[in-house]
Amino acid sequence: MGPRYSSGVPAPLTLHQLTVFRAVARHLNYTRAADDLHLTQPAVSRQVQLLENTLGVQLFERIGRRVRLTDAGADVLSYAQRIGQLQAELEAVLGARNGLQRGSLRLIGTTTAGEYLLPPLVADFRRVHPGIHVSLRVGNREVVLAALANGEVDLAVMGRPPARADWDSVSIMPNELVAIAQTGHPLVGGGLVAPARLASETIFLRETGSGTRLAAEDFWRQAGVPLDTAVELGSDSAIKQVVMAGLGISILSRQAIDLELSVRRLAVLPVEGMPLRREWFLVCPAERHSQPAGLAFRRLVERTVQVQKATAHATADDKPTRQA
């Protein structure tokens, strides 16, 4: 029997409790869920406890230092996700009625896209649609695919979208992957570098599951460069730090290194067969394709890309031509 008010009426189930529960179930970690929701860990624990009391079941159990869903918790999660999806659809409908004055947009990006590509786009979107609440999550490719499959987000930005008939994907802008090194590296500023020449270098790779990792591994493999001694790091930022310290080389998206290139902390190595030309894709489940806030965000991205292309062309036209 759940908790009761002084009137004897059972305490109601709340959307807030379900939101907190979904976050804990997603992370299987109370601290990470609290960070995601901008709450304290005691507040998260309290909401889960209230939900357990209301439903009369245990949702999580601890095994050593790990947290996992109970069987009852797994059942509740399937309904909580459906309720969250319905809530998002209701907000989208009301947002359309209000001319995008209210509503929500749930975004997720793979690590590079989420850290470097999406933040300025979200800022531009918020300036145009201040009444739309935007949430942005960041994760590797596997996390993004799981969030899409579970209906936890409306849109994702990633490379290499999976071929699924029930998901829509559209290319939104180029994503160039380049080999990088410390500015003072002996190969910087020289002629074209054969990939085999890099076999003696320490190579830093993103974690397994990262789109950047997959592309880099494909390149090194086709070039015949062994990766037996490669070092794995979990973020672009960590890789940039070790490369700037002169500890080795890596392959990263050019969008992740704009600042470091501008202040000459990193340099692009002129490696044969590079840059690797990829694309960023906007991906969404087919049933979310016509969601008003999502469509507005897509239009903003398309306008931004058009402006960038026009600026690049104008800059190229302004460069003086070399006299014969």
Protein backbone atom coordinates (compact mmCIF):
# COMPACT_ATOMS: atom_id res chain seq x y z
CA MET A 1 0.00 0.00 0.00
CA GLY A 2 1.47 3.38 -1.00
CA PRO A 3 1.81 6.40 1.29
CA ARG A 4 -1.32 8.35 2.16
CA TYR A 5 -2.14 11.95 2.75
CA SER A 6 -3.79 12.92 6.03
CA SER A 7 -7.16 12.48 4.27
CA GLY A 8 -6.36 8.80 3.69
CA VAL A 9 -6.13 9.19 -0.12
CA PRO A 10 -3.12 7.34 -1.64
CA ALA A 11 -0.26 9.62 -2.75
CA PRO A 12 -0.39 10.03 -6.54
CA LEU A 13 2.14 8.86 -9.08
CA THR A 14 3.86 11.93 -10.60
CA LEU A 15 5.54 12.62 -13.92
CA HIS A 16 8.52 13.98 -12.01
CA GLN A 17 8.97 10.65 -10.23
CA LEU A 18 8.88 8.82 -13.56
CA THR A 19 11.39 11.25 -15.09
CA VAL A 20 13.80 10.67 -12.21
CA PHE A 21 13.24 6.91 -12.40
CA ARG A 22 14.01 6.86 -16.15
CA ALA A 23 17.26 8.78 -15.56
CA VAL A 24 18.43 6.35 -12.85
CA ALA A 25 17.46 3.39 -15.02
CA ARG A 26 19.37 4.88 -17.95
CA HIS A 27 22.59 5.47 -16.00
CA LEU A 28 22.20 2.77 -13.34
CA ASN A 29 23.93 5.31 -11.15
CA TYR A 30 22.26 7.80 -8.79
CA THR A 31 25.05 10.37 -8.99
CA ARG A 32 25.06 10.48 -12.79
CA ALA A 33 21.28 10.66 -12.86
CA ALA A 34 21.39 13.59 -10.43
CA ASP A 35 23.93 15.40 -12.64
CA ASP A 36 21.78 14.76 -15.71
CA LEU A 37 18.67 16.17 -13.99
CA HIS A 38 20.49 19.00 -12.18
CA LEU A 39 19.31 17.63 -8.83
CA THR A 40 21.11 16.49 -5.70
CA GLN A 41 21.67 12.78 -5.17
CA PRO A 42 19.47 12.73 -2.02
CA ALA A 43 16.65 14.34 -4.01
CA VAL A 44 16.94 11.64 -6.68
CA SER A 45 16.98 8.88 -4.06
CA ARG A 46 13.93 10.42 -2.39
CA GLN A 47 11.92 10.50 -5.63
CA VAL A 48 12.77 6.87 -6.38
CA GLN A 49 11.76 5.91 -2.85
CA LEU A 50 8.44 7.77 -3.19
CA LEU A 51 7.77 5.98 -6.47
CA GLU A 52 8.56 2.60 -4.90
CA ASN A 53 6.24 3.37 -2.00
CA THR A 54 3.47 4.47 -4.35
CA LEU A 55 3.77 1.38 -6.55
CA GLY A 56 4.50 -1.02 -3.69
CA VAL A 57 7.50 -2.61 -5.47
CA GLN A 58 11.29 -2.40 -5.31
CA LEU A 59 12.64 -0.84 -8.51
CA PHE A 60 16.40 -1.16 -8.00
CA GLU A 61 18.72 -3.43 -6.08
CA ARG A 62 22.39 -3.08 -5.21
CA ILE A 63 24.88 -5.84 -5.96
CA GLY A 64 28.12 -4.76 -4.37
CA ARG A 65 28.73 -1.24 -5.67
CA ARG A 66 26.53 -1.69 -8.73
CA VAL A 67 22.86 -0.80 -9.19
CA ARG A 68 20.53 -2.83 -11.39
CA LEU A 69 16.84 -2.92 -12.19
CA THR A 70 14.70 -5.52 -10.51
CA ASP A 71 12.26 -7.50 -12.63
CA ALA A 72 9.49 -5.23 -11.40
CA GLY A 73 11.67 -2.22 -12.21
CA ALA A 74 12.11 -3.43 -15.79
CA ASP A 75 8.32 -3.71 -16.15
CA VAL A 76 7.81 -0.21 -14.75
CA LEU A 77 10.53 1.16 -17.07
CA SER A 78 8.75 -0.03 -20.21
CA TYR A 79 5.62 1.88 -19.15
CA ALA A 80 7.61 4.89 -17.94
CA GLN A 81 9.27 5.20 -21.35
CA ARG A 82 5.90 5.03 -23.09
CA ILE A 83 4.51 7.69 -20.74
CA GLY A 84 7.56 9.88 -21.43
CA GLN A 85 7.01 9.49 -25.17
CA LEU A 86 3.34 10.44 -24.83
CA GLN A 87 4.31 13.45 -22.73
CA ALA A 88 6.75 14.60 -25.42
CA GLU A 89 4.12 14.11 -28.13
CA LEU A 90 1.59 16.14 -26.12
CA GLU A 91 4.11 18.96 -25.66
CA ALA A 92 4.82 18.87 -29.41
CA VAL A 93 1.11 19.16 -30.25
CA LEU A 94 0.65 22.03 -27.83
CA GLY A 95 3.82 23.63 -29.16
CA ALA A 96 2.36 23.53 -32.67
CA ARG A 97 -0.86 25.12 -31.41
CA ASN A 98 1.14 27.85 -29.68
CA GLY A 99 3.36 28.60 -32.66
CA LEU A 100 6.41 27.05 -30.94
CA GLN A 101 5.99 29.35 -27.97
CA ARG A 102 6.06 26.36 -25.61
CA GLY A 103 7.23 22.76 -25.72
CA SER A 104 10.40 20.73 -25.50
CA LEU A 105 13.14 19.33 -27.71
CA ARG A 106 15.33 16.43 -26.58
CA LEU A 107 18.64 16.22 -28.42
CA ILE A 108 21.57 13.86 -28.21
CA GLY A 109 24.88 13.90 -30.03
CA THR A 110 27.83 11.59 -30.31
CA THR A 111 30.71 12.95 -28.26
CA THR A 112 32.30 15.20 -30.88
CA ALA A 113 28.97 16.46 -32.21
CA GLY A 114 27.57 16.96 -28.72
CA GLU A 115 30.58 18.86 -27.41
CA TYR A 116 31.53 21.01 -30.42
CA LEU A 117 28.81 21.03 -33.08
CA LEU A 118 25.52 21.15 -31.20
CA PRO A 119 26.06 23.76 -28.42
CA PRO A 120 26.19 26.81 -30.77
CA LEU A 121 23.23 25.43 -32.74
CA VAL A 122 21.23 24.99 -29.52
CA ALA A 123 22.13 28.55 -28.48
CA ASP A 124 20.89 29.90 -31.84
CA PHE A 125 17.69 27.84 -31.56
CA ARG A 126 17.01 29.12 -28.04
CA ARG A 127 17.40 32.72 -29.20
CA VAL A 128 14.75 32.15 -31.89
CA HIS A 129 12.45 29.95 -29.76
CA PRO A 130 13.02 30.93 -26.11
CA GLY A 131 9.85 29.16 -24.99
CA ILE A 132 11.10 25.73 -26.10
CA HIS A 133 12.92 23.82 -23.38
CA VAL A 134 15.94 22.12 -24.97
CA SER A 135 17.84 19.27 -23.32
CA LEU A 136 21.13 18.04 -24.77
CA ARG A 137 22.78 14.74 -23.93
CA VAL A 138 26.19 13.54 -25.08
CA GLY A 139 27.35 9.95 -25.48
CA ASN A 140 29.23 7.60 -27.74
CA ARG A 141 27.61 5.93 -30.72
CA GLU A 142 26.16 3.05 -28.70
CA VAL A 143 24.57 5.40 -26.17
CA VAL A 144 23.03 7.51 -28.96
CA LEU A 145 21.56 4.48 -30.71
CA ALA A 146 20.09 3.20 -27.45
CA ALA A 147 18.52 6.59 -26.66
CA LEU A 148 16.91 6.70 -30.11
CA ALA A 149 15.67 3.12 -29.87
CA ASN A 150 14.17 3.69 -26.40
CA GLY A 151 12.34 6.87 -27.40
CA GLU A 152 14.35 8.97 -24.95
CA VAL A 153 15.22 11.70 -27.48
CA ASP A 154 13.63 13.45 -30.44
CA LEU A 155 16.72 14.05 -32.58
CA ALA A 156 20.29 12.83 -32.71
CA VAL A 157 23.36 14.14 -34.52
CA MET A 158 25.92 11.49 -35.41
CA GLY A 159 28.04 10.02 -38.17
CA ARG A 160 27.25 6.72 -39.88
CA PRO A 161 23.50 6.45 -39.15
CA PRO A 162 22.25 2.86 -39.05
CA ALA A 163 20.14 1.64 -41.96
CA ARG A 164 16.74 1.33 -40.31
CA ALA A 165 13.46 1.73 -42.16
CA ASP A 166 11.80 3.21 -39.08
CA TRP A 167 14.42 5.98 -38.67
CA ASP A 168 14.86 9.04 -40.87
CA SER A 169 18.35 10.44 -41.41
CA VAL A 170 19.57 13.40 -43.42
CA SER A 171 23.09 14.69 -44.05
CA ILE A 172 23.45 18.16 -42.56
CA MET A 173 27.13 19.11 -42.93
CA PRO A 174 30.57 17.70 -43.73
CA ASN A 175 32.75 16.15 -41.06
CA GLU A 176 36.44 16.06 -41.93
CA LEU A 177 38.70 13.79 -39.88
CA VAL A 178 42.36 14.82 -39.86
CA ALA A 179 45.62 13.52 -38.40
CA ILE A 180 46.92 15.85 -35.69
CA ALA A 181 50.21 16.39 -33.90
CA GLN A 182 51.92 18.91 -31.67
CA THR A 183 52.92 22.05 -33.59
CA GLY A 184 56.61 21.24 -33.12
CA HIS A 185 56.36 17.68 -34.46
CA PRO A 186 59.07 16.92 -37.07
CA LEU A 187 56.48 15.97 -39.70
CA VAL A 188 54.57 19.26 -39.43
CA GLY A 189 55.18 21.63 -42.31
CA GLY A 190 56.99 19.09 -44.45
CA GLY A 191 55.85 17.26 -47.51
CA LEU A 192 53.16 14.62 -47.88
CA VAL A 193 53.51 11.91 -45.21
CA ALA A 194 53.00 8.24 -46.07
CA PRO A 195 50.74 6.50 -43.52
CA ALA A 196 53.39 3.80 -42.95
CA ARG A 197 55.72 6.54 -41.69
CA LEU A 198 53.43 6.91 -38.67
CA ALA A 199 53.81 3.29 -37.53
CA SER A 200 56.57 4.32 -35.11
CA GLU A 201 54.40 6.99 -33.47
CA THR A 202 52.21 6.49 -30.40
CA ILE A 203 48.64 6.60 -31.71
CA PHE A 204 45.80 7.73 -29.46
CA LEU A 205 42.33 6.43 -30.26
CA ARG A 206 38.84 7.20 -28.95
CA GLU A 207 37.01 4.51 -26.98
CA THR A 208 35.43 1.46 -28.57
CA GLY A 209 31.99 2.34 -29.93
CA SER A 210 32.98 5.85 -30.98
CA GLY A 211 32.34 6.80 -34.61
CA THR A 212 35.72 8.57 -34.71
CA ARG A 213 37.37 5.37 -33.47
CA LEU A 214 35.69 3.28 -36.20
CA ALA A 215 36.78 5.67 -38.95
CA ALA A 216 40.34 5.93 -37.59
CA GLU A 217 40.68 2.16 -37.29
CA ASP A 218 39.46 1.72 -40.87
CA PHE A 219 42.08 4.19 -42.10
CA TRP A 220 45.00 2.70 -40.16
CA ARG A 221 43.98 -0.82 -41.17
CA GLN A 222 43.77 0.02 -44.88
CA ALA A 223 47.10 1.83 -44.61
CA GLY A 224 48.71 -1.21 -43.00
CA VAL A 225 49.63 0.67 -39.82
CA PRO A 226 49.58 -1.68 -36.78
CA LEU A 227 47.53 -0.56 -33.79
CA ASP A 228 48.82 -3.10 -31.27
CA THR A 229 50.30 -0.37 -29.07
CA ALA A 230 47.58 2.24 -29.59
CA VAL A 231 46.36 4.04 -26.47
CA GLU A 232 42.62 4.45 -25.86
CA LEU A 233 41.21 7.64 -24.33
CA GLY A 234 37.58 8.43 -23.64
CA SER A 235 37.19 11.94 -25.04
CA ASP A 236 38.41 14.36 -27.69
CA SER A 237 39.59 16.71 -24.94
CA ALA A 238 41.83 14.06 -23.37
CA ILE A 239 43.32 13.18 -26.77
CA LYS A 240 44.02 16.84 -27.54
CA GLN A 241 45.84 17.28 -24.25
CA VAL A 242 48.21 14.34 -24.74
CA VAL A 243 48.89 15.27 -28.37
CA MET A 244 49.61 18.90 -27.40
CA ALA A 245 52.03 17.52 -24.82
CA GLY A 246 53.94 15.80 -27.62
CA LEU A 247 53.10 12.26 -26.53
CA GLY A 248 51.82 11.06 -29.91
CA ILE A 249 49.38 11.63 -32.76
CA SER A 250 45.70 10.99 -33.38
CA ILE A 251 42.79 11.39 -35.79
CA LEU A 252 39.99 13.77 -34.78
CA SER A 253 37.24 15.79 -36.38
CA ARG A 254 38.45 19.18 -37.58
CA GLN A 255 35.49 20.73 -35.75
CA ALA A 256 36.96 19.50 -32.45
CA ILE A 257 40.30 21.26 -32.97
CA ASP A 258 39.38 24.68 -34.41
CA LEU A 259 40.48 26.53 -31.28
CA GLU A 260 43.77 24.64 -30.91
CA LEU A 261 44.60 25.22 -34.58
CA SER A 262 43.87 28.94 -34.31
CA VAL A 263 46.28 29.38 -31.38
CA ARG A 264 48.84 26.99 -32.91
CA ARG A 265 48.72 24.41 -30.14
CA LEU A 266 47.96 21.66 -32.67
CA ALA A 267 48.74 21.17 -36.34
CA VAL A 268 47.23 19.02 -39.07
CA LEU A 269 49.64 16.44 -40.46
CA PRO A 270 49.65 16.24 -44.29
CA VAL A 271 49.03 12.49 -44.38
CA GLU A 272 48.44 10.77 -47.69
CA GLY A 273 44.78 9.77 -48.05
CA MET A 274 43.53 12.40 -45.63
CA PRO A 275 41.40 14.20 -44.63
CA LEU A 276 38.79 11.48 -44.25
CA ARG A 277 35.61 13.00 -45.61
CA ARG A 278 32.56 12.03 -43.59
CA GLU A 279 29.16 13.60 -42.95
CA TRP A 280 27.17 14.60 -39.89
CA PHE A 281 23.63 13.26 -39.95
CA LEU A 282 20.46 14.37 -38.21
CA VAL A 283 18.61 11.19 -37.18
CA CYS A 284 15.15 10.72 -35.71
CA PRO A 285 12.57 7.94 -35.37
CA ALA A 286 10.09 8.15 -38.24
CA GLU A 287 7.16 8.87 -35.90
CA ARG A 288 9.00 11.97 -34.60
CA HIS A 289 9.74 13.32 -38.10
CA SER A 290 6.93 15.89 -38.07
CA GLN A 291 7.46 17.06 -34.49
CA PRO A 292 7.27 20.90 -34.72
CA ALA A 293 10.27 21.74 -32.52
CA GLY A 294 12.36 19.11 -34.29
CA LEU A 295 11.42 20.48 -37.71
CA ALA A 296 12.26 24.00 -36.57
CA PHE A 297 15.67 22.81 -35.33
CA ARG A 298 16.35 21.06 -38.62
CA ARG A 299 15.48 24.21 -40.58
CA LEU A 300 17.83 26.23 -38.37
CA VAL A 301 20.66 23.75 -39.02
CA GLU A 302 20.05 23.91 -42.77
CA ARG A 303 20.12 27.73 -42.72
CA THR A 304 23.33 27.70 -40.68
CA VAL A 305 25.02 25.38 -43.18
CA GLN A 306 23.92 27.56 -46.09
CA VAL A 307 25.37 30.67 -44.40
CA GLN A 308 28.65 28.84 -43.70
CA LYS A 309 28.93 27.73 -47.33
CA ALA A 310 28.18 31.22 -48.62
CA THR A 311 30.78 32.71 -46.25
CA ALA A 312 33.38 30.15 -47.35
CA HIS A 313 32.74 30.87 -51.03
CA ALA A 314 32.93 34.63 -50.46
CA THR A 315 36.20 34.24 -48.57
CA ALA A 316 37.65 32.13 -51.39
CA ASP A 317 36.54 34.69 -53.99
CA ASP A 318 38.20 37.50 -52.04
CA LYS A 319 41.62 35.80 -52.07
CA PRO A 320 43.98 37.37 -54.61
CA THR A 321 44.72 35.18 -57.61
CA ARG A 322 48.34 34.30 -58.28
CA GLN A 323 49.72 35.93 -61.40
CA ALA A 324 51.09 33.59 -64.05
